Amino acid sequence: MRAWMVALIGILFVAVVLLLGTCNPTSTVIDTDPATTAVVTNTTTPAATTAPTTTVAAPAATTTLDPTLIGTLPPIDNLGAATLDYQSTVSTVGLDAVIFGMTADAAQRAAGTRFTPVTPVGECYLATPDNAPAGITFWMVSGTVERVDIDTNEITTRSGAGIGNTEGRIIDMFGERIQTSPLPDGSGNLLAYVPRDQSDKIFRVMFQSDGEKIVRFWSGRLPWAEELSGCPAQ
């Protein structure tokens, strides 16, 4: 009996000691290896900010004819007074004293002013008189004047026909001598004045309309009077 009591007391003593050690620890565990402690840091890098860019379109390329490539006419002296003005009139054979078939030299002397080429000088080129109203352009073909284009309403034919007239007005003025045909591009009509005289059969006065009114006109010798696309390619 005494032995059983001693054993029971021993068991209770061990239980008390274990209980006290669990509830009141006296030892501290220190981690002496910092490498084993991983510190995770989440770093958020702000997205890079890209400054807006401005694109400036390059200016459209322009084509400018180099005057040195166009060429000039030979110098001419003693031209006299200029003869072309807003009183000048167009006929089947020319503009005032500038007659189709004249050489460039003779035409400049008749006009009293130099002509400046506006397309490259060659077999066929266009030239405008320096001292004259704007809107006059001569066609030079094989060295002679073959046509004159009028792009101003200040200059008319001897009969007073010109830019701004209606198709009906042109037909009323010249009657059956007018032959009308549509322009190839459908933008209007071409009214051709055909002279009666057999001696003038190679000449024409051409009126271009927008379908109602005359917008430009010209006079010249065939075949150049019927050319609608400018000087043919050389």
Protein backbone atom coordinates (compact mmCIF):
# COMPACT_ATOMS: atom_id res chain seq x y z
CA MET A 1 0.00 0.00 0.00
CA ARG A 2 2.78 2.40 0.98
CA ALA A 3 4.65 1.59 -2.25
CA TRP A 4 1.57 2.41 -4.35
CA MET A 5 1.17 5.75 -2.58
CA VAL A 6 4.81 6.65 -3.21
CA ALA A 7 4.45 5.81 -6.90
CA LEU A 8 1.31 7.94 -7.17
CA ILE A 9 3.00 10.90 -5.48
CA GLY A 10 5.96 10.55 -7.89
CA ILE A 11 3.68 10.59 -10.90
CA LEU A 12 1.86 13.70 -9.65
CA PHE A 13 5.19 15.46 -9.03
CA VAL A 14 6.38 14.78 -12.57
CA ALA A 15 3.06 15.99 -13.98
CA VAL A 16 3.27 19.25 -11.97
CA VAL A 17 6.82 19.92 -13.19
CA LEU A 18 5.89 19.34 -16.80
CA LEU A 19 2.84 21.58 -16.48
CA LEU A 20 4.85 24.44 -14.97
CA GLY A 21 7.52 24.16 -17.71
CA THR A 22 4.95 24.45 -20.48
CA CYS A 23 3.13 27.45 -19.01
CA ASN A 24 6.25 29.46 -18.04
CA PRO A 25 9.09 28.84 -20.46
CA THR A 26 12.43 30.25 -19.38
CA SER A 27 14.38 29.63 -22.56
CA THR A 28 14.43 31.79 -25.73
CA VAL A 29 15.29 30.41 -29.14
CA ILE A 30 17.26 32.96 -31.19
CA ASP A 31 17.77 32.50 -34.93
CA THR A 32 21.46 33.28 -35.36
CA ASP A 33 21.46 32.66 -39.15
CA PRO A 34 19.80 35.63 -40.81
CA ALA A 35 20.28 33.96 -44.17
CA THR A 36 17.57 31.51 -43.24
CA THR A 37 15.05 34.30 -42.80
CA ALA A 38 13.67 35.28 -46.12
CA VAL A 39 12.25 38.74 -46.42
CA VAL A 40 10.05 39.14 -49.43
CA THR A 41 9.62 42.68 -50.64
CA ASN A 42 7.11 43.41 -53.32
CA THR A 43 8.39 46.34 -55.30
CA THR A 44 6.05 47.84 -57.87
CA THR A 45 7.84 49.80 -60.56
CA PRO A 46 5.59 52.44 -62.04
CA ALA A 47 5.02 52.01 -65.75
CA ALA A 48 7.27 54.19 -67.83
CA THR A 49 5.53 57.29 -69.11
CA THR A 50 6.14 57.99 -72.75
CA ALA A 51 5.74 61.60 -73.76
CA PRO A 52 3.29 62.02 -76.64
CA THR A 53 4.99 62.55 -79.98
CA THR A 54 3.86 64.98 -82.65
CA THR A 55 4.27 63.99 -86.27
CA VAL A 56 4.46 66.86 -88.67
CA ALA A 57 3.63 65.87 -92.19
CA ALA A 58 6.23 66.89 -94.70
CA PRO A 59 4.96 69.48 -97.15
CA ALA A 60 3.72 68.07 -100.39
CA ALA A 61 6.38 67.97 -103.03
CA THR A 62 5.95 70.63 -105.65
CA THR A 63 7.22 70.50 -109.17
CA THR A 64 8.81 73.68 -110.39
CA LEU A 65 10.34 73.91 -113.80
CA ASP A 66 13.88 75.20 -113.66
CA PRO A 67 14.06 78.31 -115.87
CA THR A 68 17.41 77.06 -117.15
CA LEU A 69 15.65 73.92 -118.40
CA ILE A 70 12.88 75.89 -120.14
CA GLY A 71 15.28 78.00 -122.13
CA THR A 72 14.94 81.48 -123.57
CA LEU A 73 14.57 83.01 -126.99
CA PRO A 74 17.53 84.80 -128.60
CA PRO A 75 17.97 88.46 -127.64
CA ILE A 76 16.20 90.95 -129.86
CA ASP A 77 16.79 94.68 -130.09
CA ASN A 78 14.75 97.69 -131.22
CA LEU A 79 11.35 96.16 -130.56
CA GLY A 80 9.56 99.47 -130.53
CA ALA A 81 6.35 100.14 -128.59
CA ALA A 82 4.21 97.30 -127.26
CA THR A 83 1.13 96.75 -129.43
CA LEU A 84 -0.91 94.19 -127.50
CA ASP A 85 -3.43 95.56 -125.00
CA TYR A 86 -7.04 95.10 -123.93
CA GLN A 87 -8.18 96.63 -127.21
CA SER A 88 -6.50 93.81 -129.14
CA THR A 89 -8.78 91.41 -131.00
CA VAL A 90 -8.50 87.85 -132.27
CA SER A 91 -9.14 86.89 -135.88
CA THR A 92 -8.87 83.66 -137.80
CA VAL A 93 -5.30 84.55 -138.76
CA GLY A 94 -3.85 85.83 -135.47
CA LEU A 95 -3.93 88.45 -132.71
CA ASP A 96 -3.67 91.99 -134.05
CA ALA A 97 -0.42 92.24 -136.01
CA VAL A 98 0.90 88.86 -134.78
CA ILE A 99 -0.02 86.58 -137.66
CA PHE A 100 0.14 82.79 -137.74
CA GLY A 101 3.16 81.62 -139.66
CA MET A 102 5.44 84.39 -138.35
CA THR A 103 8.81 83.42 -136.95
CA ALA A 104 9.43 84.04 -133.25
CA ASP A 105 11.60 87.05 -134.16
CA ALA A 106 8.96 88.57 -136.44
CA ALA A 107 6.15 87.92 -133.94
CA GLN A 108 8.04 89.65 -131.12
CA ARG A 109 8.69 92.66 -133.35
CA ALA A 110 5.01 92.79 -134.34
CA ALA A 111 3.98 92.64 -130.67
CA GLY A 112 6.64 95.13 -129.58
CA THR A 113 7.72 92.88 -126.74
CA ARG A 114 9.78 89.81 -125.99
CA PHE A 115 8.12 86.43 -125.59
CA THR A 116 9.02 84.30 -122.55
CA PRO A 117 8.72 80.51 -122.95
CA VAL A 118 6.59 78.85 -120.27
CA THR A 119 7.29 75.28 -121.42
CA PRO A 120 10.67 73.90 -122.49
CA VAL A 121 11.80 75.31 -125.81
CA GLY A 122 11.71 72.65 -128.48
CA GLU A 123 9.80 71.63 -131.56
CA CYS A 124 6.58 72.80 -129.86
CA TYR A 125 6.43 75.14 -126.88
CA LEU A 126 4.26 77.85 -125.31
CA ALA A 127 5.31 81.46 -124.75
CA THR A 128 3.69 84.56 -123.29
CA PRO A 129 4.36 88.18 -124.29
CA ASP A 130 6.17 90.12 -121.55
CA ASN A 131 4.53 93.52 -122.08
CA ALA A 132 0.89 92.59 -122.72
CA PRO A 133 -2.28 91.70 -120.81
CA ALA A 134 -2.24 88.46 -118.84
CA GLY A 135 -4.09 85.58 -120.45
CA ILE A 136 -2.35 85.52 -123.84
CA THR A 137 -0.32 82.44 -124.79
CA PHE A 138 1.29 81.77 -128.16
CA TRP A 139 2.06 78.33 -129.51
CA MET A 140 5.42 78.13 -131.27
CA VAL A 141 5.76 75.11 -133.56
CA SER A 142 8.83 74.46 -135.68
CA GLY A 143 9.90 78.06 -135.16
CA THR A 144 6.65 79.80 -136.15
CA VAL A 145 3.51 81.04 -134.39
CA GLU A 146 0.68 78.56 -135.01
CA ARG A 147 -1.93 79.39 -132.37
CA VAL A 148 -2.92 81.90 -129.68
CA ASP A 149 -4.89 80.94 -126.54
CA ILE A 150 -7.01 83.54 -124.74
CA ASP A 151 -7.80 83.10 -121.04
CA THR A 152 -9.13 86.56 -120.23
CA ASN A 153 -12.56 88.04 -120.86
CA GLU A 154 -10.95 91.39 -121.70
CA ILE A 155 -9.90 90.23 -125.16
CA THR A 156 -12.45 89.06 -127.73
CA THR A 157 -12.73 88.31 -131.42
CA ARG A 158 -13.26 91.14 -133.88
CA SER A 159 -16.98 90.35 -133.65
CA GLY A 160 -16.95 90.65 -129.85
CA ALA A 161 -17.21 86.94 -129.08
CA GLY A 162 -15.31 85.73 -126.04
CA ILE A 163 -15.26 84.31 -122.54
CA GLY A 164 -18.57 84.68 -120.72
CA ASN A 165 -20.76 84.47 -123.82
CA THR A 166 -23.35 81.71 -123.89
CA GLU A 167 -23.22 78.94 -126.47
CA GLY A 168 -26.46 80.36 -127.88
CA ARG A 169 -24.85 83.76 -128.29
CA ILE A 170 -21.93 82.30 -130.26
CA ILE A 171 -24.30 80.36 -132.50
CA ASP A 172 -26.46 83.46 -133.04
CA MET A 173 -23.37 85.46 -134.02
CA PHE A 174 -21.89 83.00 -136.50
CA GLY A 175 -24.78 80.74 -137.49
CA GLU A 176 -23.99 77.73 -139.65
CA ARG A 177 -20.23 78.42 -139.50
CA ILE A 178 -20.24 77.01 -135.94
CA GLN A 179 -19.72 73.26 -135.60
CA THR A 180 -20.47 71.97 -132.08
CA SER A 181 -19.07 68.78 -130.59
CA PRO A 182 -18.86 67.46 -126.99
CA LEU A 183 -15.52 67.58 -125.20
CA PRO A 184 -13.95 64.14 -124.71
CA ASP A 185 -14.15 64.41 -120.91
CA GLY A 186 -17.81 65.42 -120.97
CA SER A 187 -17.15 68.74 -119.22
CA GLY A 188 -18.72 70.85 -121.94
CA ASN A 189 -18.65 71.51 -125.65
CA LEU A 190 -16.29 72.73 -128.32
CA LEU A 191 -17.71 75.25 -130.77
CA ALA A 192 -15.53 75.53 -133.86
CA TYR A 193 -15.80 78.53 -136.14
CA VAL A 194 -15.08 77.37 -139.71
CA PRO A 195 -14.39 80.21 -142.19
CA ARG A 196 -16.34 80.32 -145.43
CA ASP A 197 -13.48 81.36 -147.67
CA GLN A 198 -11.51 78.56 -149.22
CA SER A 199 -8.31 80.52 -148.64
CA ASP A 200 -8.96 80.37 -144.89
CA LYS A 201 -9.83 76.67 -144.68
CA ILE A 202 -6.74 75.87 -142.58
CA PHE A 203 -7.74 78.39 -139.87
CA ARG A 204 -10.14 77.92 -136.96
CA VAL A 205 -11.45 79.87 -133.98
CA MET A 206 -12.37 77.48 -131.18
CA PHE A 207 -14.68 78.27 -128.26
CA GLN A 208 -14.66 75.93 -125.25
CA SER A 209 -17.73 75.91 -123.03
CA ASP A 210 -18.76 74.36 -119.73
CA GLY A 211 -22.01 73.31 -121.36
CA GLU A 212 -23.53 76.77 -121.10
CA LYS A 213 -20.94 79.55 -121.24
CA ILE A 214 -17.61 80.02 -122.98
CA VAL A 215 -14.72 79.55 -120.53
CA ARG A 216 -11.78 79.97 -122.94
CA PHE A 217 -11.09 80.29 -126.64
CA TRP A 218 -8.26 80.24 -129.13
CA SER A 219 -7.44 80.73 -132.76
CA GLY A 220 -4.90 78.95 -134.93
CA ARG A 221 -3.96 76.93 -137.95
CA LEU A 222 -4.75 73.25 -138.39
CA PRO A 223 -3.85 70.80 -136.98
CA TRP A 224 -2.79 72.82 -133.91
CA ALA A 225 -6.15 74.59 -133.58
CA GLU A 226 -7.82 71.25 -132.85
CA GLU A 227 -5.27 70.10 -130.26
CA LEU A 228 -6.84 69.83 -126.78
CA SER A 229 -3.92 68.46 -124.77
CA GLY A 230 -1.24 71.10 -125.23
CA CYS A 231 1.91 70.72 -127.26
CA PRO A 232 2.41 67.07 -128.24
CA ALA A 233 5.26 65.25 -126.53
CA GLN A 234 8.52 65.84 -128.32
